[in-house]
Amino acid sequence: MSQIEVNKCVGILNNGGLAVIPTDTVYGVVCRAADEVAVQRLYRLKSRENKPGTVIASSIDQLVELGIKRRYLSAVSQYWPNPISIEIPHDINYLNQDTGRQAVRVVNNKNLQQILDKTGPLLTSSANTPGKSTSKNIAEAKKYFTDKVDFYLDGGELPDNPSTLIRIIDDAVEVLRQGSVKVNEAGEIEK
């Protein structure tokens, strides 16, 4: 992944485009979370209704600037940066598809943080079509999306390594999906 390619990807995202990039977990199709038109385009591409994607950021401050309340983020800050997505409430309806909730994650990947620092938070969804396997490389992603995505950033072969997805309800941790980082029912990260 060359700096020239990263810069081109950033430019396309900042101008309303969609890209497939290596995230901190799997290949994802992404757009700027603050760009309502791009978000709607991503949801149409993925045929998603009432199933919002994940918002990734390089810091909690980026999520606050997007419009997510700091109190929800501060309550779970001990989990980040990590490949742990946490479902929280927020009222950015175009982003959460009017569900009132969405998974968010602060990433721990230097290459991805470099992109996020230039684009702001990104909405991401796994690089696949509904019911199909997640892309492990750019060639697989191109078979799914062809020219419906504006840019493909090649990060080599990636394992199928989704984020852990949790939700906090009344101070209890509910693990919705175990991923690369194990979280137990007490809410502790297992080493």
C-alpha atoms as a PDB file:
ATOM      1  CA  MET A   1       0.000   0.000   0.000  1.00  0.00           C
ATOM      2  CA  SER A   2       1.876   3.040  -1.264  1.00  0.00           C
ATOM      3  CA  GLN A   3       1.461   6.573   0.059  1.00  0.00           C
ATOM      4  CA  ILE A   4       0.337   7.618  -3.437  1.00  0.00           C
ATOM      5  CA  GLU A   5      -2.472   5.032  -3.330  1.00  0.00           C
ATOM      6  CA  VAL A   6      -3.468   6.055   0.208  1.00  0.00           C
ATOM      7  CA  ASN A   7      -3.596   9.732  -0.813  1.00  0.00           C
ATOM      8  CA  LYS A   8      -5.710   8.908  -3.877  1.00  0.00           C
ATOM      9  CA  CYS A   9      -8.102   6.888  -1.693  1.00  0.00           C
ATOM     10  CA  VAL A  10      -8.381   9.761   0.809  1.00  0.00           C
ATOM     11  CA  GLY A  11      -9.129  12.213  -2.009  1.00  0.00           C
ATOM     12  CA  ILE A  12     -11.897  10.001  -3.400  1.00  0.00           C
ATOM     13  CA  LEU A  13     -13.459   9.501   0.044  1.00  0.00           C
ATOM     14  CA  ASN A  14     -13.299  13.235   0.794  1.00  0.00           C
ATOM     15  CA  ASN A  15     -15.132  13.898  -2.486  1.00  0.00           C
ATOM     16  CA  GLY A  16     -18.067  11.617  -1.685  1.00  0.00           C
ATOM     17  CA  GLY A  17     -16.714   8.358  -3.063  1.00  0.00           C
ATOM     18  CA  LEU A  18     -16.880   4.759  -1.898  1.00  0.00           C
ATOM     19  CA  ALA A  19     -13.757   2.657  -1.461  1.00  0.00           C
ATOM     20  CA  VAL A  20     -12.834  -0.860  -0.446  1.00  0.00           C
ATOM     21  CA  ILE A  21      -9.964  -0.735   2.038  1.00  0.00           C
ATOM     22  CA  PRO A  22      -8.258  -3.020   4.532  1.00  0.00           C
ATOM     23  CA  THR A  23      -9.666  -2.036   7.925  1.00  0.00           C
ATOM     24  CA  ASP A  24      -8.246  -3.152  11.258  1.00  0.00           C
ATOM     25  CA  THR A  25     -10.217  -6.395  10.913  1.00  0.00           C
ATOM     26  CA  VAL A  26     -11.366  -7.303   7.373  1.00  0.00           C
ATOM     27  CA  TYR A  27     -11.748  -5.602   3.999  1.00  0.00           C
ATOM     28  CA  GLY A  28     -14.566  -3.099   4.208  1.00  0.00           C
ATOM     29  CA  VAL A  29     -16.472  -0.946   1.790  1.00  0.00           C
ATOM     30  CA  VAL A  30     -16.274   2.542   3.298  1.00  0.00           C
ATOM     31  CA  CYS A  31     -17.389   6.144   2.929  1.00  0.00           C
ATOM     32  CA  ARG A  32     -17.164   9.267   5.070  1.00  0.00           C
ATOM     33  CA  ALA A  33     -19.693   8.942   7.887  1.00  0.00           C
ATOM     34  CA  ALA A  34     -20.396  12.698   7.752  1.00  0.00           C
ATOM     35  CA  ASP A  35     -21.402  12.508   4.055  1.00  0.00           C
ATOM     36  CA  GLU A  36     -25.108  11.652   4.005  1.00  0.00           C
ATOM     37  CA  VAL A  37     -25.235  11.092   0.230  1.00  0.00           C
ATOM     38  CA  ALA A  38     -22.244   8.708   0.320  1.00  0.00           C
ATOM     39  CA  VAL A  39     -23.756   6.861   3.309  1.00  0.00           C
ATOM     40  CA  GLN A  40     -27.023   6.313   1.403  1.00  0.00           C
ATOM     41  CA  ARG A  41     -25.037   5.075  -1.599  1.00  0.00           C
ATOM     42  CA  LEU A  42     -23.137   2.559   0.570  1.00  0.00           C
ATOM     43  CA  TYR A  43     -26.360   1.282   2.132  1.00  0.00           C
ATOM     44  CA  ARG A  44     -27.924   0.832  -1.338  1.00  0.00           C
ATOM     45  CA  LEU A  45     -24.810  -0.992  -2.565  1.00  0.00           C
ATOM     46  CA  LYS A  46     -24.991  -3.389   0.391  1.00  0.00           C
ATOM     47  CA  SER A  47     -28.830  -3.698   0.282  1.00  0.00           C
ATOM     48  CA  ARG A  48     -28.992  -2.709   3.939  1.00  0.00           C
ATOM     49  CA  GLU A  49     -32.189  -1.591   5.634  1.00  0.00           C
ATOM     50  CA  ASN A  50     -32.473  -1.179   9.393  1.00  0.00           C
ATOM     51  CA  LYS A  51     -29.054  -2.791   9.727  1.00  0.00           C
ATOM     52  CA  PRO A  52     -26.552   0.054  10.009  1.00  0.00           C
ATOM     53  CA  GLY A  53     -22.867  -0.472   9.316  1.00  0.00           C
ATOM     54  CA  THR A  54     -20.083   0.250  11.803  1.00  0.00           C
ATOM     55  CA  VAL A  55     -18.528   3.693  12.239  1.00  0.00           C
ATOM     56  CA  ILE A  56     -14.750   3.558  12.666  1.00  0.00           C
ATOM     57  CA  ALA A  57     -12.613   6.424  13.937  1.00  0.00           C
ATOM     58  CA  SER A  58      -9.059   7.162  15.015  1.00  0.00           C
ATOM     59  CA  SER A  59     -10.229   8.628  18.341  1.00  0.00           C
ATOM     60  CA  ILE A  60     -13.231   9.204  20.555  1.00  0.00           C
ATOM     61  CA  ASP A  61     -12.925  12.913  19.731  1.00  0.00           C
ATOM     62  CA  GLN A  62     -13.612  12.137  16.052  1.00  0.00           C
ATOM     63  CA  LEU A  63     -16.829  10.352  17.021  1.00  0.00           C
ATOM     64  CA  VAL A  64     -17.876  13.295  19.216  1.00  0.00           C
ATOM     65  CA  GLU A  65     -17.220  15.713  16.325  1.00  0.00           C
ATOM     66  CA  LEU A  66     -19.477  13.523  14.183  1.00  0.00           C
ATOM     67  CA  GLY A  67     -22.285  14.071  16.698  1.00  0.00           C
ATOM     68  CA  ILE A  68     -22.170  11.049  19.012  1.00  0.00           C
ATOM     69  CA  LYS A  69     -22.508  11.939  22.680  1.00  0.00           C
ATOM     70  CA  ARG A  70     -19.244  11.723  24.621  1.00  0.00           C
ATOM     71  CA  ARG A  71     -20.944  10.179  27.676  1.00  0.00           C
ATOM     72  CA  TYR A  72     -21.772   7.012  25.731  1.00  0.00           C
ATOM     73  CA  LEU A  73     -18.231   6.816  24.383  1.00  0.00           C
ATOM     74  CA  SER A  74     -16.538   7.570  27.715  1.00  0.00           C
ATOM     75  CA  ALA A  75     -18.470   4.726  29.333  1.00  0.00           C
ATOM     76  CA  VAL A  76     -16.790   2.219  26.979  1.00  0.00           C
ATOM     77  CA  SER A  77     -13.433   3.914  26.342  1.00  0.00           C
ATOM     78  CA  GLN A  78     -11.522   1.168  28.194  1.00  0.00           C
ATOM     79  CA  TYR A  79     -12.139  -1.151  25.236  1.00  0.00           C
ATOM     80  CA  TRP A  80     -10.302   1.058  22.703  1.00  0.00           C
ATOM     81  CA  PRO A  81      -8.267   1.271  20.616  1.00  0.00           C
ATOM     82  CA  ASN A  82      -9.005  -2.320  19.712  1.00  0.00           C
ATOM     83  CA  PRO A  83     -10.943  -4.392  17.165  1.00  0.00           C
ATOM     84  CA  ILE A  84     -13.985  -4.204  19.449  1.00  0.00           C
ATOM     85  CA  SER A  85     -17.147  -2.627  18.027  1.00  0.00           C
ATOM     86  CA  ILE A  86     -19.646  -1.378  20.578  1.00  0.00           C
ATOM     87  CA  GLU A  87     -23.285  -0.748  19.820  1.00  0.00           C
ATOM     88  CA  ILE A  88     -24.359   2.570  21.320  1.00  0.00           C
ATOM     89  CA  PRO A  89     -27.367   4.870  20.955  1.00  0.00           C
ATOM     90  CA  HIS A  90     -27.192   8.027  18.842  1.00  0.00           C
ATOM     91  CA  ASP A  91     -29.575  10.205  16.880  1.00  0.00           C
ATOM     92  CA  ILE A  92     -27.811  10.647  13.524  1.00  0.00           C
ATOM     93  CA  ASN A  93     -30.707   9.020  11.686  1.00  0.00           C
ATOM     94  CA  TYR A  94     -29.265   8.858   8.154  1.00  0.00           C
ATOM     95  CA  LEU A  95     -26.273   7.003   9.625  1.00  0.00           C
ATOM     96  CA  ASN A  96     -28.110   4.609  11.966  1.00  0.00           C
ATOM     97  CA  GLN A  97     -30.964   4.005   9.495  1.00  0.00           C
ATOM     98  CA  ASP A  98     -33.501   5.320  12.023  1.00  0.00           C
ATOM     99  CA  THR A  99     -32.699   2.491  14.459  1.00  0.00           C
ATOM    100  CA  GLY A 100     -31.383   4.845  17.165  1.00  0.00           C
ATOM    101  CA  ARG A 101     -28.248   2.687  17.621  1.00  0.00           C
ATOM    102  CA  GLN A 102     -25.058   1.753  15.819  1.00  0.00           C
ATOM    103  CA  ALA A 103     -21.757  -0.008  16.353  1.00  0.00           C
ATOM    104  CA  VAL A 104     -18.704   2.254  16.648  1.00  0.00           C
ATOM    105  CA  ARG A 105     -15.007   1.424  16.981  1.00  0.00           C
ATOM    106  CA  VAL A 106     -11.764   3.272  17.659  1.00  0.00           C
ATOM    107  CA  VAL A 107      -9.129   1.453  15.639  1.00  0.00           C
ATOM    108  CA  ASN A 108      -5.628   0.379  16.604  1.00  0.00           C
ATOM    109  CA  ASN A 109      -4.039   0.207  13.166  1.00  0.00           C
ATOM    110  CA  LYS A 110      -1.529   2.888  12.146  1.00  0.00           C
ATOM    111  CA  ASN A 111      -2.264   2.709   8.397  1.00  0.00           C
ATOM    112  CA  LEU A 112      -5.990   3.009   8.977  1.00  0.00           C
ATOM    113  CA  GLN A 113      -5.530   5.795  11.539  1.00  0.00           C
ATOM    114  CA  GLN A 114      -3.552   7.725   8.915  1.00  0.00           C
ATOM    115  CA  ILE A 115      -6.539   7.542   6.559  1.00  0.00           C
ATOM    116  CA  LEU A 116      -9.069   8.399   9.291  1.00  0.00           C
ATOM    117  CA  ASP A 117      -7.035  11.422  10.377  1.00  0.00           C
ATOM    118  CA  LYS A 118      -7.516  12.813   6.857  1.00  0.00           C
ATOM    119  CA  THR A 119     -11.135  11.762   6.253  1.00  0.00           C
ATOM    120  CA  GLY A 120     -12.776  11.769   9.651  1.00  0.00           C
ATOM    121  CA  PRO A 121     -14.861   8.781  10.772  1.00  0.00           C
ATOM    122  CA  LEU A 122     -15.790   6.250   8.119  1.00  0.00           C
ATOM    123  CA  LEU A 123     -18.900   4.134   7.807  1.00  0.00           C
ATOM    124  CA  THR A 124     -17.833   0.581   6.997  1.00  0.00           C
ATOM    125  CA  SER A 125     -19.494  -2.675   6.095  1.00  0.00           C
ATOM    126  CA  SER A 126     -17.728  -5.906   5.178  1.00  0.00           C
ATOM    127  CA  ALA A 127     -16.644  -6.136   1.531  1.00  0.00           C
ATOM    128  CA  ASN A 128     -19.150  -8.704   0.334  1.00  0.00           C
ATOM    129  CA  THR A 129     -22.691  -8.939  -0.932  1.00  0.00           C
ATOM    130  CA  PRO A 130     -25.449 -10.178   1.395  1.00  0.00           C
ATOM    131  CA  GLY A 131     -25.060 -13.829   2.323  1.00  0.00           C
ATOM    132  CA  LYS A 132     -21.608 -14.183   0.730  1.00  0.00           C
ATOM    133  CA  SER A 133     -18.165 -14.552   2.326  1.00  0.00           C
ATOM    134  CA  THR A 134     -16.164 -11.474   3.255  1.00  0.00           C
ATOM    135  CA  SER A 135     -13.462 -10.577   0.720  1.00  0.00           C
ATOM    136  CA  LYS A 136     -10.007 -11.741   1.774  1.00  0.00           C
ATOM    137  CA  ASN A 137      -8.316  -9.743  -1.000  1.00  0.00           C
ATOM    138  CA  ILE A 138      -9.001  -7.016  -3.543  1.00  0.00           C
ATOM    139  CA  ALA A 139      -9.677  -9.479  -6.388  1.00  0.00           C
ATOM    140  CA  GLU A 140     -12.600 -10.975  -4.417  1.00  0.00           C
ATOM    141  CA  ALA A 141     -13.934  -7.492  -3.582  1.00  0.00           C
ATOM    142  CA  LYS A 142     -13.820  -6.481  -7.258  1.00  0.00           C
ATOM    143  CA  LYS A 143     -15.891  -9.560  -8.175  1.00  0.00           C
ATOM    144  CA  TYR A 144     -18.580  -8.391  -5.735  1.00  0.00           C
ATOM    145  CA  PHE A 145     -18.613  -4.679  -6.542  1.00  0.00           C
ATOM    146  CA  THR A 146     -16.930  -4.177  -9.972  1.00  0.00           C
ATOM    147  CA  ASP A 147     -17.239  -0.491 -10.907  1.00  0.00           C
ATOM    148  CA  LYS A 148     -19.876   0.291  -8.251  1.00  0.00           C
ATOM    149  CA  VAL A 149     -17.007   1.277  -5.913  1.00  0.00           C
ATOM    150  CA  ASP A 150     -14.789   4.240  -6.829  1.00  0.00           C
ATOM    151  CA  PHE A 151     -11.476   2.936  -5.469  1.00  0.00           C
ATOM    152  CA  TYR A 152      -9.839  -0.254  -4.220  1.00  0.00           C
ATOM    153  CA  LEU A 153      -6.923   0.033  -1.784  1.00  0.00           C
ATOM    154  CA  ASP A 154      -4.921  -3.188  -1.817  1.00  0.00           C
ATOM    155  CA  GLY A 155      -3.616  -4.320   1.565  1.00  0.00           C
ATOM    156  CA  GLY A 156      -2.745  -7.863   0.508  1.00  0.00           C
ATOM    157  CA  GLU A 157      -4.420 -11.020   1.770  1.00  0.00           C
ATOM    158  CA  LEU A 158      -6.401 -10.566   5.007  1.00  0.00           C
ATOM    159  CA  PRO A 159      -7.763 -13.309   7.260  1.00  0.00           C
ATOM    160  CA  ASP A 160     -11.483 -13.430   8.018  1.00  0.00           C
ATOM    161  CA  ASN A 161     -11.032 -11.720  11.374  1.00  0.00           C
ATOM    162  CA  PRO A 162     -14.132  -9.679  12.270  1.00  0.00           C
ATOM    163  CA  SER A 163     -14.307  -7.312  15.196  1.00  0.00           C
ATOM    164  CA  THR A 164     -15.841  -8.419  18.455  1.00  0.00           C
ATOM    165  CA  LEU A 165     -19.285  -6.817  18.754  1.00  0.00           C
ATOM    166  CA  ILE A 166     -20.693  -5.981  22.178  1.00  0.00           C
ATOM    167  CA  ARG A 167     -23.579  -3.997  23.597  1.00  0.00           C
ATOM    168  CA  ILE A 168     -23.861  -2.526  27.089  1.00  0.00           C
ATOM    169  CA  ILE A 169     -27.314  -2.749  28.669  1.00  0.00           C
ATOM    170  CA  ASP A 170     -27.873  -1.621  32.261  1.00  0.00           C
ATOM    171  CA  ASP A 171     -24.175  -2.018  33.094  1.00  0.00           C
ATOM    172  CA  ALA A 172     -24.155  -5.584  31.703  1.00  0.00           C
ATOM    173  CA  VAL A 173     -22.076  -6.567  28.691  1.00  0.00           C
ATOM    174  CA  GLU A 174     -23.805  -8.576  25.986  1.00  0.00           C
ATOM    175  CA  VAL A 175     -21.426 -10.177  23.492  1.00  0.00           C
ATOM    176  CA  LEU A 176     -23.206 -10.168  20.136  1.00  0.00           C
ATOM    177  CA  ARG A 177     -20.258 -11.581  18.143  1.00  0.00           C
ATOM    178  CA  GLN A 178     -16.912 -12.881  19.363  1.00  0.00           C
ATOM    179  CA  GLY A 179     -14.158 -11.733  17.057  1.00  0.00           C
ATOM    180  CA  SER A 180     -10.409 -11.431  17.203  1.00  0.00           C
ATOM    181  CA  VAL A 181     -10.444 -10.008  20.757  1.00  0.00           C
ATOM    182  CA  LYS A 182     -12.330 -12.151  23.256  1.00  0.00           C
ATOM    183  CA  VAL A 183     -14.604 -10.349  25.733  1.00  0.00           C
ATOM    184  CA  ASN A 184     -16.213 -12.368  28.518  1.00  0.00           C
ATOM    185  CA  GLU A 185     -19.680 -11.836  29.998  1.00  0.00           C
ATOM    186  CA  ALA A 186     -18.160  -9.765  32.806  1.00  0.00           C
ATOM    187  CA  GLY A 187     -17.007  -7.339  30.129  1.00  0.00           C
ATOM    188  CA  GLU A 188     -13.327  -8.143  30.571  1.00  0.00           C
ATOM    189  CA  ILE A 189     -10.932  -8.538  27.664  1.00  0.00           C
ATOM    190  CA  GLU A 190      -9.433 -12.015  27.879  1.00  0.00           C
ATOM    191  CA  LYS A 191      -5.693 -12.226  27.347  1.00  0.00           C
END
